[in-house]
Amino acid sequence: MAKQIILIGVFLVIVGGVFLIIEKNGINYNNPLDFKFEKGNTKFYFPLGSSILISVALSLIFYFFRKF
């Protein structure tokens, strides 16, 4: 159990570092399934595609943890 928590922590640190590098370099990530609506002063953003990608990634991570 402790090994899994450490691995999750290391994974989160790596993901956070990648996000910092992407943000620092000014790379924009535009997923085609993320919906953005702007009209006047109203902005609406619904990250459907990003939510699906995160869900698949987490499902794979937990699947591999159960296997080992």
PDB file of N, CA and C in Angstrom:
ATOM      1  N   MET A   1       0.822  -1.194   0.000  1.00  0.00           N
ATOM      2  CA  MET A   1       0.000   0.000   0.000  1.00  0.00           C
ATOM      3  C   MET A   1       0.869   1.262   0.000  1.00  0.00           C
ATOM      4  N   ALA A   2       1.908   1.256   0.808  1.00  0.00           N
ATOM      5  CA  ALA A   2       2.775   2.435   0.879  1.00  0.00           C
ATOM      6  C   ALA A   2       3.493   2.655  -0.444  1.00  0.00           C
ATOM      7  N   LYS A   3       3.880   1.565  -1.094  1.00  0.00           N
ATOM      8  CA  LYS A   3       4.565   1.679  -2.381  1.00  0.00           C
ATOM      9  C   LYS A   3       3.653   2.319  -3.428  1.00  0.00           C
ATOM     10  N   GLN A   4       2.384   1.972  -3.403  1.00  0.00           N
ATOM     11  CA  GLN A   4       1.435   2.546  -4.356  1.00  0.00           C
ATOM     12  C   GLN A   4       1.237   4.037  -4.107  1.00  0.00           C
ATOM     13  N   ILE A   5       1.166   4.441  -2.858  1.00  0.00           N
ATOM     14  CA  ILE A   5       0.996   5.856  -2.535  1.00  0.00           C
ATOM     15  C   ILE A   5       2.219   6.645  -2.980  1.00  0.00           C
ATOM     16  N   ILE A   6       3.397   6.092  -2.785  1.00  0.00           N
ATOM     17  CA  ILE A   6       4.617   6.762  -3.233  1.00  0.00           C
ATOM     18  C   ILE A   6       4.627   6.883  -4.753  1.00  0.00           C
ATOM     19  N   LEU A   7       4.238   5.824  -5.462  1.00  0.00           N
ATOM     20  CA  LEU A   7       4.197   5.868  -6.922  1.00  0.00           C
ATOM     21  C   LEU A   7       3.188   6.898  -7.429  1.00  0.00           C
ATOM     22  N   ILE A   8       2.045   6.980  -6.784  1.00  0.00           N
ATOM     23  CA  ILE A   8       1.046   7.984  -7.167  1.00  0.00           C
ATOM     24  C   ILE A   8       1.604   9.385  -6.945  1.00  0.00           C
ATOM     25  N   GLY A   9       2.289   9.593  -5.824  1.00  0.00           N
ATOM     26  CA  GLY A   9       2.898  10.884  -5.544  1.00  0.00           C
ATOM     27  C   GLY A   9       3.946  11.261  -6.576  1.00  0.00           C
ATOM     28  N   VAL A  10       4.793  10.312  -6.945  1.00  0.00           N
ATOM     29  CA  VAL A  10       5.813  10.565  -7.968  1.00  0.00           C
ATOM     30  C   VAL A  10       5.147  10.892  -9.298  1.00  0.00           C
ATOM     31  N   PHE A  11       4.116  10.169  -9.647  1.00  0.00           N
ATOM     32  CA  PHE A  11       3.386  10.421 -10.885  1.00  0.00           C
ATOM     33  C   PHE A  11       2.791  11.827 -10.894  1.00  0.00           C
ATOM     34  N   LEU A  12       2.196  12.241  -9.784  1.00  0.00           N
ATOM     35  CA  LEU A  12       1.597  13.570  -9.713  1.00  0.00           C
ATOM     36  C   LEU A  12       2.655  14.670  -9.805  1.00  0.00           C
ATOM     37  N   VAL A  13       3.819  14.443  -9.214  1.00  0.00           N
ATOM     38  CA  VAL A  13       4.901  15.425  -9.317  1.00  0.00           C
ATOM     39  C   VAL A  13       5.365  15.542 -10.763  1.00  0.00           C
ATOM     40  N   ILE A  14       5.489  14.418 -11.456  1.00  0.00           N
ATOM     41  CA  ILE A  14       5.904  14.438 -12.866  1.00  0.00           C
ATOM     42  C   ILE A  14       4.873  15.158 -13.719  1.00  0.00           C
ATOM     43  N   VAL A  15       3.606  14.853 -13.518  1.00  0.00           N
ATOM     44  CA  VAL A  15       2.540  15.508 -14.285  1.00  0.00           C
ATOM     45  C   VAL A  15       2.529  17.003 -14.004  1.00  0.00           C
ATOM     46  N   GLY A  16       2.698  17.392 -12.751  1.00  0.00           N
ATOM     47  CA  GLY A  16       2.751  18.813 -12.408  1.00  0.00           C
ATOM     48  C   GLY A  16       3.923  19.510 -13.071  1.00  0.00           C
ATOM     49  N   GLY A  17       5.075  18.843 -13.114  1.00  0.00           N
ATOM     50  CA  GLY A  17       6.241  19.410 -13.785  1.00  0.00           C
ATOM     51  C   GLY A  17       6.017  19.588 -15.271  1.00  0.00           C
ATOM     52  N   VAL A  18       5.368  18.609 -15.882  1.00  0.00           N
ATOM     53  CA  VAL A  18       5.067  18.717 -17.316  1.00  0.00           C
ATOM     54  C   VAL A  18       4.134  19.899 -17.571  1.00  0.00           C
ATOM     55  N   PHE A  19       3.120  20.067 -16.720  1.00  0.00           N
ATOM     56  CA  PHE A  19       2.210  21.201 -16.890  1.00  0.00           C
ATOM     57  C   PHE A  19       2.931  22.530 -16.721  1.00  0.00           C
ATOM     58  N   LEU A  20       3.855  22.606 -15.779  1.00  0.00           N
ATOM     59  CA  LEU A  20       4.619  23.843 -15.591  1.00  0.00           C
ATOM     60  C   LEU A  20       5.484  24.153 -16.809  1.00  0.00           C
ATOM     61  N   ILE A  21       6.116  23.136 -17.364  1.00  0.00           N
ATOM     62  CA  ILE A  21       6.958  23.335 -18.553  1.00  0.00           C
ATOM     63  C   ILE A  21       6.105  23.778 -19.737  1.00  0.00           C
ATOM     64  N   ILE A  22       4.959  23.153 -19.915  1.00  0.00           N
ATOM     65  CA  ILE A  22       4.072  23.522 -21.020  1.00  0.00           C
ATOM     66  C   ILE A  22       3.598  24.962 -20.860  1.00  0.00           C
ATOM     67  N   GLU A  23       3.217  25.335 -19.645  1.00  0.00           N
ATOM     68  CA  GLU A  23       2.736  26.698 -19.413  1.00  0.00           C
ATOM     69  C   GLU A  23       3.855  27.721 -19.597  1.00  0.00           C
ATOM     70  N   LYS A  24       5.044  27.385 -19.151  1.00  0.00           N
ATOM     71  CA  LYS A  24       6.174  28.311 -19.263  1.00  0.00           C
ATOM     72  C   LYS A  24       6.555  28.554 -20.716  1.00  0.00           C
ATOM     73  N   ASN A  25       6.454  27.538 -21.553  1.00  0.00           N
ATOM     74  CA  ASN A  25       6.808  27.662 -22.964  1.00  0.00           C
ATOM     75  C   ASN A  25       5.684  28.248 -23.806  1.00  0.00           C
ATOM     76  N   GLY A  26       4.529  28.459 -23.229  1.00  0.00           N
ATOM     77  CA  GLY A  26       3.426  29.094 -23.948  1.00  0.00           C
ATOM     78  C   GLY A  26       2.727  28.167 -24.927  1.00  0.00           C
ATOM     79  N   ILE A  27       2.826  26.887 -24.691  1.00  0.00           N
ATOM     80  CA  ILE A  27       2.158  25.928 -25.578  1.00  0.00           C
ATOM     81  C   ILE A  27       0.692  25.816 -25.149  1.00  0.00           C
ATOM     82  N   ASN A  28      -0.199  26.053 -26.085  1.00  0.00           N
ATOM     83  CA  ASN A  28      -1.629  25.936 -25.796  1.00  0.00           C
ATOM     84  C   ASN A  28      -2.102  24.550 -26.192  1.00  0.00           C
ATOM     85  N   TYR A  29      -2.851  23.938 -25.324  1.00  0.00           N
ATOM     86  CA  TYR A  29      -3.427  22.633 -25.607  1.00  0.00           C
ATOM     87  C   TYR A  29      -4.905  22.828 -25.882  1.00  0.00           C
ATOM     88  N   ASN A  30      -5.302  22.608 -27.124  1.00  0.00           N
ATOM     89  CA  ASN A  30      -6.707  22.755 -27.501  1.00  0.00           C
ATOM     90  C   ASN A  30      -7.249  21.402 -27.933  1.00  0.00           C
ATOM     91  N   ASN A  31      -8.017  20.799 -27.073  1.00  0.00           N
ATOM     92  CA  ASN A  31      -8.651  19.537 -27.381  1.00  0.00           C
ATOM     93  C   ASN A  31      -9.909  19.827 -28.203  1.00  0.00           C
ATOM     94  N   PRO A  32     -10.100  19.126 -29.316  1.00  0.00           N
ATOM     95  CA  PRO A  32     -11.275  19.403 -30.152  1.00  0.00           C
ATOM     96  C   PRO A  32     -12.611  19.132 -29.456  1.00  0.00           C
ATOM     97  N   LEU A  33     -12.603  18.325 -28.411  1.00  0.00           N
ATOM     98  CA  LEU A  33     -13.856  18.034 -27.708  1.00  0.00           C
ATOM     99  C   LEU A  33     -14.107  18.960 -26.523  1.00  0.00           C
ATOM    100  N   ASP A  34     -13.223  19.914 -26.289  1.00  0.00           N
ATOM    101  CA  ASP A  34     -13.465  20.922 -25.260  1.00  0.00           C
ATOM    102  C   ASP A  34     -14.302  22.039 -25.876  1.00  0.00           C
ATOM    103  N   PHE A  35     -15.441  22.303 -25.276  1.00  0.00           N
ATOM    104  CA  PHE A  35     -16.368  23.275 -25.837  1.00  0.00           C
ATOM    105  C   PHE A  35     -16.150  24.654 -25.204  1.00  0.00           C
ATOM    106  N   LYS A  36     -16.019  25.669 -26.049  1.00  0.00           N
ATOM    107  CA  LYS A  36     -15.873  27.052 -25.596  1.00  0.00           C
ATOM    108  C   LYS A  36     -16.917  27.901 -26.299  1.00  0.00           C
ATOM    109  N   PHE A  37     -17.652  28.642 -25.510  1.00  0.00           N
ATOM    110  CA  PHE A  37     -18.639  29.561 -26.062  1.00  0.00           C
ATOM    111  C   PHE A  37     -18.369  30.944 -25.497  1.00  0.00           C
ATOM    112  N   GLU A  38     -18.308  31.934 -26.372  1.00  0.00           N
ATOM    113  CA  GLU A  38     -18.119  33.317 -25.944  1.00  0.00           C
ATOM    114  C   GLU A  38     -19.132  34.194 -26.671  1.00  0.00           C
ATOM    115  N   LYS A  39     -19.858  34.956 -25.896  1.00  0.00           N
ATOM    116  CA  LYS A  39     -20.804  35.896 -26.480  1.00  0.00           C
ATOM    117  C   LYS A  39     -20.876  37.108 -25.573  1.00  0.00           C
ATOM    118  N   GLY A  40     -20.372  38.213 -26.059  1.00  0.00           N
ATOM    119  CA  GLY A  40     -20.341  39.423 -25.245  1.00  0.00           C
ATOM    120  C   GLY A  40     -19.406  39.250 -24.061  1.00  0.00           C
ATOM    121  N   ASN A  41     -19.931  39.488 -22.875  1.00  0.00           N
ATOM    122  CA  ASN A  41     -19.145  39.343 -21.656  1.00  0.00           C
ATOM    123  C   ASN A  41     -19.256  37.945 -21.047  1.00  0.00           C
ATOM    124  N   THR A  42     -20.023  37.077 -21.668  1.00  0.00           N
ATOM    125  CA  THR A  42     -20.253  35.747 -21.130  1.00  0.00           C
ATOM    126  C   THR A  42     -19.322  34.745 -21.791  1.00  0.00           C
ATOM    127  N   LYS A  43     -18.621  33.973 -20.961  1.00  0.00           N
ATOM    128  CA  LYS A  43     -17.744  32.908 -21.458  1.00  0.00           C
ATOM    129  C   LYS A  43     -18.127  31.613 -20.765  1.00  0.00           C
ATOM    130  N   PHE A  44     -18.191  30.542 -21.548  1.00  0.00           N
ATOM    131  CA  PHE A  44     -18.510  29.228 -21.011  1.00  0.00           C
ATOM    132  C   PHE A  44     -17.508  28.232 -21.571  1.00  0.00           C
ATOM    133  N   TYR A  45     -16.902  27.426 -20.703  1.00  0.00           N
ATOM    134  CA  TYR A  45     -15.919  26.432 -21.114  1.00  0.00           C
ATOM    135  C   TYR A  45     -16.295  25.108 -20.472  1.00  0.00           C
ATOM    136  N   PHE A  46     -16.464  24.079 -21.300  1.00  0.00           N
ATOM    137  CA  PHE A  46     -16.801  22.748 -20.812  1.00  0.00           C
ATOM    138  C   PHE A  46     -15.761  21.765 -21.339  1.00  0.00           C
ATOM    139  N   PRO A  47     -14.840  21.294 -20.474  1.00  0.00           N
ATOM    140  CA  PRO A  47     -13.737  20.440 -20.921  1.00  0.00           C
ATOM    141  C   PRO A  47     -14.122  18.962 -21.041  1.00  0.00           C
ATOM    142  N   LEU A  48     -14.999  18.638 -21.966  1.00  0.00           N
ATOM    143  CA  LEU A  48     -15.456  17.259 -22.136  1.00  0.00           C
ATOM    144  C   LEU A  48     -14.316  16.349 -22.589  1.00  0.00           C
ATOM    145  N   GLY A  49     -13.564  16.753 -23.602  1.00  0.00           N
ATOM    146  CA  GLY A  49     -12.474  15.926 -24.121  1.00  0.00           C
ATOM    147  C   GLY A  49     -11.377  15.718 -23.094  1.00  0.00           C
ATOM    148  N   SER A  50     -11.021  16.763 -22.371  1.00  0.00           N
ATOM    149  CA  SER A  50      -9.990  16.641 -21.339  1.00  0.00           C
ATOM    150  C   SER A  50     -10.464  15.717 -20.223  1.00  0.00           C
ATOM    151  N   SER A  51     -11.730  15.796 -19.874  1.00  0.00           N
ATOM    152  CA  SER A  51     -12.270  14.920 -18.837  1.00  0.00           C
ATOM    153  C   SER A  51     -12.205  13.457 -19.268  1.00  0.00           C
ATOM    154  N   ILE A  52     -12.483  13.190 -20.525  1.00  0.00           N
ATOM    155  CA  ILE A  52     -12.412  11.818 -21.035  1.00  0.00           C
ATOM    156  C   ILE A  52     -10.971  11.321 -21.005  1.00  0.00           C
ATOM    157  N   LEU A  53     -10.018  12.153 -21.428  1.00  0.00           N
ATOM    158  CA  LEU A  53      -8.610  11.751 -21.411  1.00  0.00           C
ATOM    159  C   LEU A  53      -8.123  11.475 -19.991  1.00  0.00           C
ATOM    160  N   ILE A  54      -8.474  12.318 -19.056  1.00  0.00           N
ATOM    161  CA  ILE A  54      -8.066  12.115 -17.666  1.00  0.00           C
ATOM    162  C   ILE A  54      -8.698  10.848 -17.109  1.00  0.00           C
ATOM    163  N   SER A  55      -9.958  10.597 -17.436  1.00  0.00           N
ATOM    164  CA  SER A  55     -10.642   9.403 -16.973  1.00  0.00           C
ATOM    165  C   SER A  55      -9.971   8.132 -17.498  1.00  0.00           C
ATOM    166  N   VAL A  56      -9.613   8.124 -18.767  1.00  0.00           N
ATOM    167  CA  VAL A  56      -8.946   6.954 -19.351  1.00  0.00           C
ATOM    168  C   VAL A  56      -7.576   6.751 -18.708  1.00  0.00           C
ATOM    169  N   ALA A  57      -6.824   7.835 -18.523  1.00  0.00           N
ATOM    170  CA  ALA A  57      -5.498   7.735 -17.917  1.00  0.00           C
ATOM    171  C   ALA A  57      -5.587   7.191 -16.492  1.00  0.00           C
ATOM    172  N   LEU A  58      -6.509   7.713 -15.696  1.00  0.00           N
ATOM    173  CA  LEU A  58      -6.658   7.229 -14.328  1.00  0.00           C
ATOM    174  C   LEU A  58      -7.142   5.783 -14.289  1.00  0.00           C
ATOM    175  N   SER A  59      -8.020   5.400 -15.199  1.00  0.00           N
ATOM    176  CA  SER A  59      -8.488   4.015 -15.259  1.00  0.00           C
ATOM    177  C   SER A  59      -7.335   3.071 -15.554  1.00  0.00           C
ATOM    178  N   LEU A  60      -6.452   3.458 -16.481  1.00  0.00           N
ATOM    179  CA  LEU A  60      -5.296   2.619 -16.796  1.00  0.00           C
ATOM    180  C   LEU A  60      -4.333   2.518 -15.611  1.00  0.00           C
ATOM    181  N   ILE A  61      -4.115   3.628 -14.927  1.00  0.00           N
ATOM    182  CA  ILE A  61      -3.217   3.621 -13.770  1.00  0.00           C
ATOM    183  C   ILE A  61      -3.760   2.686 -12.687  1.00  0.00           C
ATOM    184  N   PHE A  62      -5.039   2.811 -12.367  1.00  0.00           N
ATOM    185  CA  PHE A  62      -5.614   1.958 -11.337  1.00  0.00           C
ATOM    186  C   PHE A  62      -5.677   0.502 -11.781  1.00  0.00           C
ATOM    187  N   TYR A  63      -5.863   0.244 -13.058  1.00  0.00           N
ATOM    188  CA  TYR A  63      -5.857  -1.120 -13.572  1.00  0.00           C
ATOM    189  C   TYR A  63      -4.490  -1.766 -13.349  1.00  0.00           C
ATOM    190  N   PHE A  64      -3.421  -1.017 -13.654  1.00  0.00           N
ATOM    191  CA  PHE A  64      -2.077  -1.559 -13.471  1.00  0.00           C
ATOM    192  C   PHE A  64      -1.735  -1.745 -11.997  1.00  0.00           C
ATOM    193  N   PHE A  65      -2.243  -0.864 -11.124  1.00  0.00           N
ATOM    194  CA  PHE A  65      -2.000  -1.043  -9.700  1.00  0.00           C
ATOM    195  C   PHE A  65      -2.680  -2.303  -9.170  1.00  0.00           C
ATOM    196  N   ARG A  66      -3.858  -2.620  -9.681  1.00  0.00           N
ATOM    197  CA  ARG A  66      -4.551  -3.828  -9.236  1.00  0.00           C
ATOM    198  C   ARG A  66      -3.851  -5.086  -9.733  1.00  0.00           C
ATOM    199  N   LYS A  67      -3.207  -4.986 -10.900  1.00  0.00           N
ATOM    200  CA  LYS A  67      -2.518  -6.150 -11.454  1.00  0.00           C
ATOM    201  C   LYS A  67      -1.256  -6.498 -10.668  1.00  0.00           C
ATOM    202  N   PHE A  68      -0.591  -5.499 -10.116  1.00  0.00           N
ATOM    203  CA  PHE A  68       0.692  -5.745  -9.427  1.00  0.00           C
ATOM    204  C   PHE A  68       0.521  -5.664  -7.976  1.00  0.00           C
TER     205      PHE A  68
END
